[in-house]
Amino acid sequence: MRLRSLFFIGAGLLAFLSLGSAAGLFWMSTQFQSRTTGLSDSIERVHSAEQLAHSLFLLQVVQEFASIHASDMGPPISVVEARRRVSEMLTRVEQYTDTPQERALIANARSQVETYLRAPAQERLSTLRGAIEATAAVSASSIDRARAVRDETTRVSDAARLLGGLLAISIVTGAALVLAATRTRLYLPLLSIRQALAAFKAGQRESRVAQAGPLELREVAAEFNDMADTLVSQDARHLQFLAGVAHDLRTPLNTLKLSTELLLRAPTPPPPEKLRESLLRISAQLDRLNRMVGDLLDQTRIEAGNLELRLEDTDLCTLVREVAELHRPLSQQHQIELTVPDGPVPVRGDPTRLIQVLTNLLSNAIKYSPLGGRVRVLIEQSQEEVLLSVSDEGVGIPPGEYERIFAPFKRSASASAELPGIGLGLSVSRRIVRAHGGNIEVVSQEGAGSTFRVRLPSQVPLA
């Protein structure tokens, strides 16, 4: 489940509970208002019925004595005024009539009152009794109606209290569920990630994060675990690389130390031939050290994006001949064969960097070729490109490692551990050639040697 889905579910649950609470409150408010209105109407009808009965008694008294005072301070009430009050009270009672039974009682009361009002003097008492009884029936009905409304209001109040309790429990439960889900699905996974980061930062390289929670947090945990595995693997490769560098540096340093000690401890100066051989060995080991340090520096510059090229028009054949002549004295037990055009082969490039590439390729070919083996260097030119091939008769490279050997600090599995090298020469060479707009590729056959091909853009022949 995604974090967005979890958020929508929690928000939807809280929104549902909020809407339910609002609907419940609205229902309770409507019910209470309705019951209050009904109860108020019933009270008004009871009051109006009592006033009607009182008006009837008042009318009877006025008709007997012609007129009376309504109060000590008020004016006298005439028969006409008493009749008007009876009619007004009767109309007011009719305003609060809802059910057919109530309308029938009101109609009977009106009929009895009108009969009383039309009755002659000798029949007034008998008709008054009927009007009073009809009015009392309306009053009793109103009282019953008020009691029913009161009982219904009580039931609604009980239901409202129950509904309010249920809504409160639902809101508390929903909030608790949301908080529990947030803690389980969000807080604990985030806490686990933070603890793993802190542990990894403190040096516990085995620290990993369990993938739990929403999809986004599981992806973060997976990315952290992959990053941690990568860093641990890089640390292992760096340690391996440092061990390899230390081993490869120790070999030429030991040779240098041995050669210098032999010269220093000799009781007499060695003959010129022996001295020359020692100096050649020292020079060769210094060249190896220089190439190793140069490859390390170049790899650092490449990774930092600071590889600089000083491009100029140059002859590739001249560069190849120079590099070959430099290696002939250092590899007299190998045959270096050059197949290059008689004329110049112009390329646009940095001569120093191209010599570095040629040196790496030729040194590798010599290093991996058996004693007495041939190292062939071939240059071919076409309209589109210049092809430089360096072939050896060495152990070869398995097809599955053609790209691996161009990665930093990687060497072919078929290379002997005793052969010097830190696995940077080919990586640096490919980056240099690609910076010139070309590429390096390799074809090989295990046990029969390898051929490295450098392709560079072709240029207009030099003048």
Protein backbone atom coordinates (compact mmCIF):
# COMPACT_ATOMS: atom_id res chain seq x y z
CA MET A 1 0.00 0.00 0.00
CA ARG A 2 1.30 3.43 -0.91
CA LEU A 3 1.67 6.27 1.56
CA ARG A 4 -0.89 8.26 -0.40
CA SER A 5 -3.43 5.43 -0.13
CA LEU A 6 -2.83 5.17 3.62
CA PHE A 7 -3.33 8.91 3.95
CA PHE A 8 -6.55 8.80 1.94
CA ILE A 9 -7.90 5.90 4.03
CA GLY A 10 -7.15 7.70 7.30
CA ALA A 11 -8.57 10.99 6.00
CA GLY A 12 -11.64 9.17 4.63
CA LEU A 13 -12.26 7.42 7.95
CA LEU A 14 -12.01 10.67 9.90
CA ALA A 15 -14.16 12.47 7.31
CA PHE A 16 -16.78 9.70 7.54
CA LEU A 17 -16.85 9.92 11.32
CA SER A 18 -17.05 13.72 11.15
CA LEU A 19 -19.91 13.62 8.65
CA GLY A 20 -21.68 10.98 10.75
CA SER A 21 -21.29 13.14 13.83
CA ALA A 22 -22.58 16.18 11.97
CA ALA A 23 -25.54 14.20 10.62
CA GLY A 24 -26.30 12.83 14.07
CA LEU A 25 -26.17 16.28 15.63
CA PHE A 26 -28.39 17.66 12.87
CA TRP A 27 -30.92 14.83 13.40
CA MET A 28 -30.96 15.38 17.15
CA SER A 29 -31.34 19.13 16.71
CA THR A 30 -34.21 18.63 14.25
CA GLN A 31 -35.95 16.14 16.51
CA PHE A 32 -35.64 18.35 19.57
CA GLN A 33 -36.88 21.36 17.62
CA SER A 34 -39.84 19.38 16.30
CA ARG A 35 -40.72 18.04 19.75
CA THR A 36 -40.30 21.45 21.33
CA THR A 37 -42.58 22.99 18.72
CA GLY A 38 -45.18 20.25 19.27
CA LEU A 39 -45.01 20.63 23.02
CA SER A 40 -45.30 24.41 22.73
CA ASP A 41 -48.33 24.07 20.43
CA SER A 42 -49.98 21.64 22.87
CA ILE A 43 -49.41 24.03 25.77
CA GLU A 44 -50.81 26.92 23.75
CA ARG A 45 -53.88 24.88 22.83
CA VAL A 46 -54.43 23.88 26.46
CA HIS A 47 -54.08 27.49 27.46
CA SER A 48 -56.42 28.62 24.67
CA ALA A 49 -59.00 25.97 25.63
CA GLU A 50 -58.88 27.13 29.26
CA GLN A 51 -59.25 30.72 28.08
CA LEU A 52 -62.21 29.70 25.94
CA ALA A 53 -63.91 28.09 28.94
CA HIS A 54 -63.19 31.15 31.01
CA SER A 55 -64.61 33.40 28.27
CA LEU A 56 -67.79 31.31 28.17
CA PHE A 57 -68.26 31.71 31.93
CA LEU A 58 -67.53 35.40 31.58
CA LEU A 59 -70.10 35.74 28.78
CA GLN A 60 -72.71 33.99 30.89
CA VAL A 61 -72.09 36.36 33.79
CA VAL A 62 -72.17 39.42 31.53
CA GLN A 63 -75.43 38.31 29.97
CA GLU A 64 -76.91 37.90 33.45
CA PHE A 65 -75.79 41.25 34.79
CA ALA A 66 -75.56 43.23 31.52
CA SER A 67 -71.93 44.19 32.23
CA ILE A 68 -69.13 43.67 34.75
CA HIS A 69 -65.74 45.03 35.47
CA ALA A 70 -62.91 42.85 34.20
CA SER A 71 -60.73 44.18 37.00
CA ASP A 72 -60.81 46.85 39.57
CA MET A 73 -58.87 49.18 37.26
CA GLY A 74 -60.23 48.10 33.88
CA PRO A 75 -63.31 49.30 31.98
CA PRO A 76 -66.61 47.38 32.17
CA ILE A 77 -67.01 44.42 29.77
CA SER A 78 -70.12 44.39 27.63
CA VAL A 79 -71.92 41.45 26.12
CA VAL A 80 -70.50 42.31 22.70
CA GLU A 81 -66.98 42.35 24.09
CA ALA A 82 -67.55 39.05 25.87
CA ARG A 83 -68.87 37.46 22.68
CA ARG A 84 -65.85 38.80 20.75
CA ARG A 85 -63.51 37.21 23.28
CA VAL A 86 -65.29 33.86 22.97
CA SER A 87 -64.96 33.95 19.16
CA GLU A 88 -61.28 34.97 19.43
CA MET A 89 -60.46 32.14 21.84
CA LEU A 90 -62.30 29.67 19.65
CA THR A 91 -60.27 30.77 16.61
CA ARG A 92 -57.03 30.55 18.59
CA VAL A 93 -57.82 27.00 19.67
CA GLU A 94 -58.33 26.04 16.00
CA GLN A 95 -54.82 27.31 15.08
CA TYR A 96 -53.14 24.46 17.00
CA THR A 97 -55.14 21.61 15.49
CA ASP A 98 -53.24 18.92 13.51
CA THR A 99 -54.97 15.52 13.68
CA PRO A 100 -58.47 14.62 12.41
CA GLN A 101 -59.52 13.72 15.98
CA GLU A 102 -58.49 17.16 17.21
CA ARG A 103 -60.27 18.84 14.31
CA ALA A 104 -63.42 16.86 15.16
CA LEU A 105 -63.22 17.95 18.82
CA ILE A 106 -62.70 21.58 17.75
CA ALA A 107 -65.59 21.39 15.31
CA ASN A 108 -67.83 19.99 18.09
CA ALA A 109 -66.67 22.72 20.46
CA ARG A 110 -67.40 25.44 17.86
CA SER A 111 -70.82 23.93 17.22
CA GLN A 112 -71.63 23.82 20.96
CA VAL A 113 -70.35 27.38 21.49
CA GLU A 114 -72.33 28.73 18.53
CA THR A 115 -75.41 26.88 19.82
CA TYR A 116 -74.89 28.53 23.18
CA LEU A 117 -74.48 31.96 21.57
CA ARG A 118 -77.73 31.56 19.56
CA ALA A 119 -79.72 29.98 22.39
CA PRO A 120 -82.50 32.04 24.01
CA ALA A 121 -82.07 33.13 27.62
CA GLN A 122 -84.05 30.26 29.13
CA GLU A 123 -81.83 27.65 27.36
CA ARG A 124 -78.47 29.26 27.98
CA LEU A 125 -77.53 27.24 31.04
CA SER A 126 -78.21 23.91 29.37
CA THR A 127 -76.34 24.87 26.19
CA LEU A 128 -73.53 26.40 28.30
CA ARG A 129 -73.00 23.02 29.92
CA GLY A 130 -72.58 21.40 26.47
CA ALA A 131 -70.15 24.14 25.34
CA ILE A 132 -68.10 23.79 28.53
CA GLU A 133 -67.96 20.01 28.18
CA ALA A 134 -66.88 20.31 24.50
CA THR A 135 -64.22 22.82 25.51
CA ALA A 136 -63.08 20.55 28.34
CA ALA A 137 -62.78 17.70 25.83
CA VAL A 138 -60.52 19.90 23.67
CA SER A 139 -58.46 20.79 26.74
CA ALA A 140 -58.19 17.13 27.79
CA SER A 141 -57.14 16.18 24.26
CA SER A 142 -54.53 18.92 24.32
CA ILE A 143 -53.23 17.70 27.68
CA ASP A 144 -53.01 14.14 26.33
CA ARG A 145 -51.23 15.48 23.26
CA ALA A 146 -48.76 17.39 25.43
CA ARG A 147 -48.08 14.27 27.52
CA ALA A 148 -47.51 12.24 24.36
CA VAL A 149 -45.13 14.86 23.04
CA ARG A 150 -43.37 14.91 26.40
CA ASP A 151 -42.97 11.12 26.38
CA GLU A 152 -41.74 11.20 22.78
CA THR A 153 -39.30 13.96 23.69
CA THR A 154 -38.01 11.78 26.51
CA ARG A 155 -37.50 8.89 24.09
CA VAL A 156 -35.75 11.18 21.61
CA SER A 157 -33.55 12.49 24.41
CA ASP A 158 -32.60 8.93 25.40
CA ALA A 159 -31.91 8.08 21.76
CA ALA A 160 -29.86 11.27 21.40
CA ARG A 161 -27.77 10.37 24.45
CA LEU A 162 -27.23 6.87 23.05
CA LEU A 163 -26.36 8.23 19.61
CA GLY A 164 -24.03 10.82 21.13
CA GLY A 165 -22.28 8.11 23.12
CA LEU A 166 -21.92 5.93 20.05
CA LEU A 167 -20.59 8.84 18.02
CA ALA A 168 -18.10 9.73 20.76
CA ILE A 169 -16.96 6.10 20.96
CA SER A 170 -16.71 5.93 17.15
CA ILE A 171 -14.65 9.11 16.97
CA VAL A 172 -12.33 7.98 19.74
CA THR A 173 -12.01 4.51 18.18
CA GLY A 174 -11.40 5.96 14.72
CA ALA A 175 -8.78 8.36 16.04
CA ALA A 176 -7.14 5.50 17.95
CA LEU A 177 -7.10 3.34 14.80
CA VAL A 178 -5.60 6.17 12.76
CA LEU A 179 -2.95 6.80 15.41
CA ALA A 180 -2.19 3.09 15.71
CA ALA A 181 -1.92 2.74 11.94
CA THR A 182 0.27 5.84 11.79
CA ARG A 183 2.54 4.46 14.48
CA THR A 184 2.73 0.99 12.95
CA ARG A 185 2.87 1.94 9.28
CA LEU A 186 4.77 5.23 9.45
CA TYR A 187 6.48 6.02 12.75
CA LEU A 188 8.05 2.61 13.43
CA PRO A 189 9.41 2.16 9.85
CA LEU A 190 10.79 5.72 9.91
CA LEU A 191 12.33 5.06 13.32
CA SER A 192 13.87 1.86 11.97
CA ILE A 193 15.36 3.77 9.02
CA ARG A 194 16.75 6.47 11.32
CA GLN A 195 18.28 3.89 13.66
CA ALA A 196 19.81 2.01 10.73
CA LEU A 197 21.29 5.24 9.36
CA ALA A 198 22.71 6.15 12.76
CA ALA A 199 24.16 2.66 13.21
CA PHE A 200 25.64 2.66 9.71
CA LYS A 201 27.13 6.10 10.31
CA ALA A 202 28.61 4.83 13.60
CA GLY A 203 30.47 2.12 11.69
CA GLN A 204 28.09 -0.83 11.90
CA ARG A 205 28.35 -1.71 8.21
CA GLU A 206 26.09 -4.74 8.63
CA SER A 207 23.15 -2.52 9.63
CA ARG A 208 20.14 -2.95 7.32
CA VAL A 209 16.49 -1.85 7.33
CA ALA A 210 13.55 -4.26 7.35
CA GLN A 211 11.18 -3.39 4.50
CA ALA A 212 7.88 -2.51 6.18
CA GLY A 213 5.17 0.09 5.92
CA PRO A 214 3.84 1.84 2.81
CA LEU A 215 5.41 1.24 -0.58
CA GLU A 216 7.38 4.50 -0.48
CA LEU A 217 9.02 3.58 2.84
CA ARG A 218 9.74 0.06 1.58
CA GLU A 219 11.39 1.60 -1.47
CA VAL A 220 13.44 3.91 0.78
CA ALA A 221 14.47 0.90 2.88
CA ALA A 222 15.40 -1.06 -0.25
CA GLU A 223 17.41 1.89 -1.58
CA PHE A 224 19.21 2.21 1.75
CA ASN A 225 20.00 -1.50 1.82
CA ASP A 226 21.27 -1.35 -1.78
CA MET A 227 23.35 1.73 -0.93
CA ALA A 228 24.75 0.01 2.16
CA ASP A 229 25.61 -3.11 0.14
CA THR A 230 27.23 -0.93 -2.51
CA LEU A 231 29.28 0.99 0.06
CA VAL A 232 30.37 -2.21 1.77
CA SER A 233 31.29 -3.67 -1.60
CA GLN A 234 33.17 -0.49 -2.49
CA ASP A 235 34.99 -0.59 0.82
CA ALA A 236 35.97 -4.19 0.13
CA ARG A 237 37.12 -3.24 -3.38
CA HIS A 238 39.06 -0.27 -2.04
CA LEU A 239 40.77 -2.47 0.54
CA GLN A 240 41.52 -4.97 -2.18
CA PHE A 241 42.74 -2.16 -4.39
CA LEU A 242 44.99 -0.77 -1.66
CA ALA A 243 46.38 -4.25 -1.06
CA GLY A 244 47.01 -4.61 -4.80
CA VAL A 245 48.62 -1.20 -5.04
CA ALA A 246 50.82 -1.98 -2.05
CA HIS A 247 51.80 -5.30 -3.62
CA ASP A 248 52.46 -3.79 -7.04
CA LEU A 249 54.45 -0.91 -5.58
CA ARG A 250 56.48 -3.25 -3.39
CA THR A 251 57.75 -5.25 -6.40
CA PRO A 252 59.47 -2.36 -8.24
CA LEU A 253 60.57 -0.82 -4.94
CA ASN A 254 62.19 -4.10 -3.88
CA THR A 255 63.91 -4.31 -7.27
CA LEU A 256 65.15 -0.74 -6.93
CA LYS A 257 66.36 -1.39 -3.41
CA LEU A 258 68.14 -4.62 -4.43
CA SER A 259 69.80 -2.99 -7.42
CA THR A 260 71.02 0.01 -5.45
CA GLU A 261 72.25 -2.17 -2.57
CA LEU A 262 74.23 -4.35 -5.00
CA LEU A 263 75.84 -1.24 -6.42
CA LEU A 264 76.54 0.25 -3.01
CA ARG A 265 77.88 -2.94 -1.43
CA ALA A 266 80.15 -3.87 -4.32
CA PRO A 267 83.80 -3.66 -3.07
CA THR A 268 84.82 -2.28 -6.44
CA PRO A 269 82.85 -0.42 -9.10
CA PRO A 270 81.14 -2.93 -11.45
CA PRO A 271 82.14 -3.11 -15.10
CA PRO A 272 80.34 -0.73 -17.45
CA GLU A 273 78.20 -3.57 -18.87
CA LYS A 274 76.95 -4.61 -15.41
CA LEU A 275 76.43 -1.01 -14.42
CA ARG A 276 74.39 -0.43 -17.56
CA GLU A 277 72.21 -3.48 -16.85
CA SER A 278 71.56 -2.28 -13.27
CA LEU A 279 70.70 1.20 -14.50
CA LEU A 280 68.34 -0.25 -17.11
CA ARG A 281 66.57 -2.29 -14.44
CA ILE A 282 66.31 0.77 -12.23
CA SER A 283 64.98 2.84 -15.13
CA ALA A 284 62.41 0.17 -16.02
CA GLN A 285 61.15 -0.05 -12.44
CA LEU A 286 60.97 3.72 -12.21
CA ASP A 287 58.92 3.75 -15.42
CA ARG A 288 56.55 1.21 -13.89
CA LEU A 289 56.18 3.30 -10.75
CA ASN A 290 55.62 6.40 -12.81
CA ARG A 291 52.90 4.71 -14.88
CA MET A 292 51.16 3.39 -11.76
CA VAL A 293 51.15 6.80 -10.10
CA GLY A 294 50.12 8.45 -13.38
CA ASP A 295 47.19 6.03 -13.83
CA LEU A 296 46.04 6.69 -10.27
CA LEU A 297 46.18 10.45 -10.79
CA ASP A 298 44.43 10.22 -14.16
CA GLN A 299 41.67 8.04 -12.73
CA THR A 300 41.18 10.61 -9.97
CA ARG A 301 40.97 13.43 -12.53
CA ILE A 302 38.55 11.45 -14.70
CA GLU A 303 36.25 10.69 -11.77
CA ALA A 304 36.32 14.39 -10.83
CA GLY A 305 35.63 15.42 -14.45
CA ASN A 306 38.94 17.29 -14.72
CA LEU A 307 40.56 15.42 -17.62
CA GLU A 308 42.12 18.11 -19.82
CA LEU A 309 43.15 17.62 -23.43
CA ARG A 310 45.46 19.87 -25.43
CA LEU A 311 44.33 19.07 -28.95
CA GLU A 312 46.57 19.61 -31.95
CA ASP A 313 47.22 18.02 -35.33
CA THR A 314 49.69 15.19 -34.90
CA ASP A 315 50.99 12.17 -36.78
CA LEU A 316 49.89 8.88 -35.20
CA CYS A 317 52.64 6.94 -36.99
CA THR A 318 55.31 9.09 -35.36
CA LEU A 319 53.78 8.51 -31.91
CA VAL A 320 53.63 4.73 -32.47
CA ARG A 321 57.27 4.57 -33.60
CA GLU A 322 58.40 6.58 -30.56
CA VAL A 323 56.55 4.35 -28.10
CA ALA A 324 57.81 1.18 -29.82
CA GLU A 325 61.42 2.38 -29.74
CA LEU A 326 61.08 3.18 -26.03
CA HIS A 327 59.92 -0.37 -25.29
CA ARG A 328 62.41 -2.30 -27.43
CA PRO A 329 65.33 -1.96 -24.97
CA LEU A 330 63.06 -2.89 -22.05
CA SER A 331 61.62 -5.99 -23.71
CA GLN A 332 64.44 -7.52 -25.72
CA GLN A 333 62.91 -10.99 -25.29
CA HIS A 334 59.79 -9.95 -27.24
CA GLN A 335 59.42 -9.14 -30.91
CA ILE A 336 57.68 -5.84 -31.61
CA GLU A 337 56.43 -5.66 -35.20
CA LEU A 338 55.14 -2.40 -36.68
CA THR A 339 52.90 -2.28 -39.74
CA VAL A 340 52.27 1.40 -40.43
CA PRO A 341 51.80 3.46 -43.61
CA ASP A 342 54.86 5.10 -45.13
CA GLY A 343 53.24 8.54 -44.97
CA PRO A 344 51.83 10.36 -42.00
CA VAL A 345 48.45 9.41 -40.44
CA PRO A 346 47.03 12.68 -39.12
CA VAL A 347 44.77 12.75 -36.09
CA ARG A 348 43.43 15.56 -33.95
CA GLY A 349 44.41 14.87 -30.38
CA ASP A 350 46.61 15.41 -27.35
CA PRO A 351 49.98 13.79 -28.15
CA THR A 352 50.84 13.24 -24.48
CA ARG A 353 47.54 11.46 -23.80
CA LEU A 354 47.74 9.39 -26.98
CA ILE A 355 51.28 8.30 -26.02
CA GLN A 356 49.87 7.29 -22.62
CA VAL A 357 47.25 5.11 -24.34
CA LEU A 358 49.82 3.54 -26.67
CA THR A 359 52.16 2.90 -23.75
CA ASN A 360 49.43 1.16 -21.74
CA LEU A 361 48.40 -1.05 -24.65
CA LEU A 362 51.94 -1.95 -25.66
CA SER A 363 53.02 -2.57 -22.04
CA ASN A 364 50.03 -4.88 -21.49
CA ALA A 365 50.75 -6.75 -24.72
CA ILE A 366 54.36 -7.31 -23.67
CA LYS A 367 53.39 -8.18 -20.08
CA TYR A 368 50.85 -10.83 -21.08
CA SER A 369 52.86 -12.34 -23.96
CA PRO A 370 55.20 -15.30 -23.37
CA LEU A 371 58.93 -14.84 -23.71
CA GLY A 372 59.83 -14.74 -27.37
CA GLY A 373 56.25 -13.88 -28.33
CA ARG A 374 55.36 -11.33 -30.96
CA VAL A 375 53.62 -8.04 -30.32
CA ARG A 376 52.14 -6.57 -33.51
CA VAL A 377 51.12 -2.95 -33.96
CA LEU A 378 49.03 -2.12 -37.04
CA ILE A 379 47.68 1.24 -38.30
CA GLU A 380 44.98 1.41 -40.97
CA GLN A 381 43.35 4.55 -42.33
CA SER A 382 40.03 5.12 -44.13
CA GLN A 383 37.88 8.11 -45.00
CA GLU A 384 35.98 7.94 -41.70
CA GLU A 385 38.47 6.67 -39.12
CA VAL A 386 41.96 5.63 -38.16
CA LEU A 387 42.28 2.11 -36.73
CA LEU A 388 45.19 1.24 -34.44
CA SER A 389 45.49 -2.45 -33.46
CA VAL A 390 47.82 -3.90 -30.79
CA SER A 391 47.94 -7.73 -30.76
CA ASP A 392 49.75 -10.19 -28.50
CA GLU A 393 50.11 -13.95 -28.15
CA GLY A 394 49.22 -14.10 -24.48
CA VAL A 395 46.70 -15.98 -22.37
CA GLY A 396 43.69 -14.29 -23.93
CA ILE A 397 40.51 -12.94 -22.33
CA PRO A 398 37.20 -14.81 -21.85
CA PRO A 399 34.34 -13.27 -23.92
CA GLY A 400 32.33 -12.47 -20.81
CA GLU A 401 35.09 -10.16 -19.54
CA TYR A 402 35.47 -7.92 -22.60
CA GLU A 403 33.73 -5.01 -20.85
CA ARG A 404 34.78 -5.88 -17.31
CA ILE A 405 38.48 -5.27 -18.00
CA PHE A 406 37.72 -1.63 -18.89
CA ALA A 407 36.21 -0.96 -15.44
CA PRO A 408 38.44 0.70 -12.82
CA PHE A 409 40.46 -1.72 -10.65
CA LYS A 410 39.25 -4.73 -12.68
CA ARG A 411 41.53 -7.29 -14.26
CA SER A 412 40.87 -10.40 -16.26
CA ALA A 413 40.38 -13.56 -14.26
CA SER A 414 42.91 -15.26 -16.55
CA ALA A 415 45.63 -12.79 -15.50
CA SER A 416 48.18 -14.26 -13.14
CA ALA A 417 48.23 -12.73 -9.67
CA GLU A 418 52.01 -12.49 -10.04
CA LEU A 419 51.73 -10.11 -12.98
CA PRO A 420 51.93 -6.49 -11.84
CA GLY A 421 49.03 -4.14 -12.36
CA ILE A 422 46.23 -2.41 -10.49
CA GLY A 423 43.56 -2.52 -13.19
CA LEU A 424 43.53 1.16 -14.16
CA GLY A 425 45.45 1.30 -17.44
CA LEU A 426 42.62 0.15 -19.71
CA SER A 427 40.00 2.17 -17.85
CA VAL A 428 42.05 5.38 -18.19
CA SER A 429 42.91 4.58 -21.82
CA ARG A 430 39.29 4.10 -22.84
CA ARG A 431 38.26 7.38 -21.19
CA ILE A 432 41.08 9.21 -22.98
CA VAL A 433 40.17 7.72 -26.36
CA ARG A 434 36.47 8.50 -25.88
CA ALA A 435 37.41 12.07 -24.98
CA HIS A 436 39.01 12.19 -28.47
CA GLY A 437 35.75 11.07 -30.07
CA GLY A 438 36.84 7.43 -30.54
CA ASN A 439 36.62 4.12 -28.71
CA ILE A 440 38.58 1.02 -27.70
CA GLU A 441 37.35 -2.51 -28.25
CA VAL A 442 38.91 -5.92 -27.75
CA VAL A 443 38.68 -9.28 -29.50
CA SER A 444 40.40 -12.27 -27.97
CA GLN A 445 40.72 -16.02 -27.97
CA GLU A 446 41.69 -17.79 -24.79
CA GLY A 447 45.18 -19.24 -25.06
CA ALA A 448 45.83 -17.53 -28.42
CA GLY A 449 46.17 -13.84 -27.54
CA SER A 450 44.19 -10.62 -27.69
CA THR A 451 43.83 -7.65 -30.02
CA PHE A 452 42.93 -4.18 -28.78
CA ARG A 453 41.60 -1.83 -31.43
CA VAL A 454 41.65 1.95 -31.03
CA ARG A 455 39.32 3.86 -33.37
CA LEU A 456 39.90 7.58 -33.85
CA PRO A 457 38.21 10.06 -36.22
CA SER A 458 40.12 10.49 -39.46
CA GLN A 459 41.62 13.92 -40.30
CA VAL A 460 42.75 15.70 -43.43
CA PRO A 461 46.38 14.68 -44.26
CA LEU A 462 49.02 16.95 -42.81
CA ALA A 463 50.60 19.47 -45.18
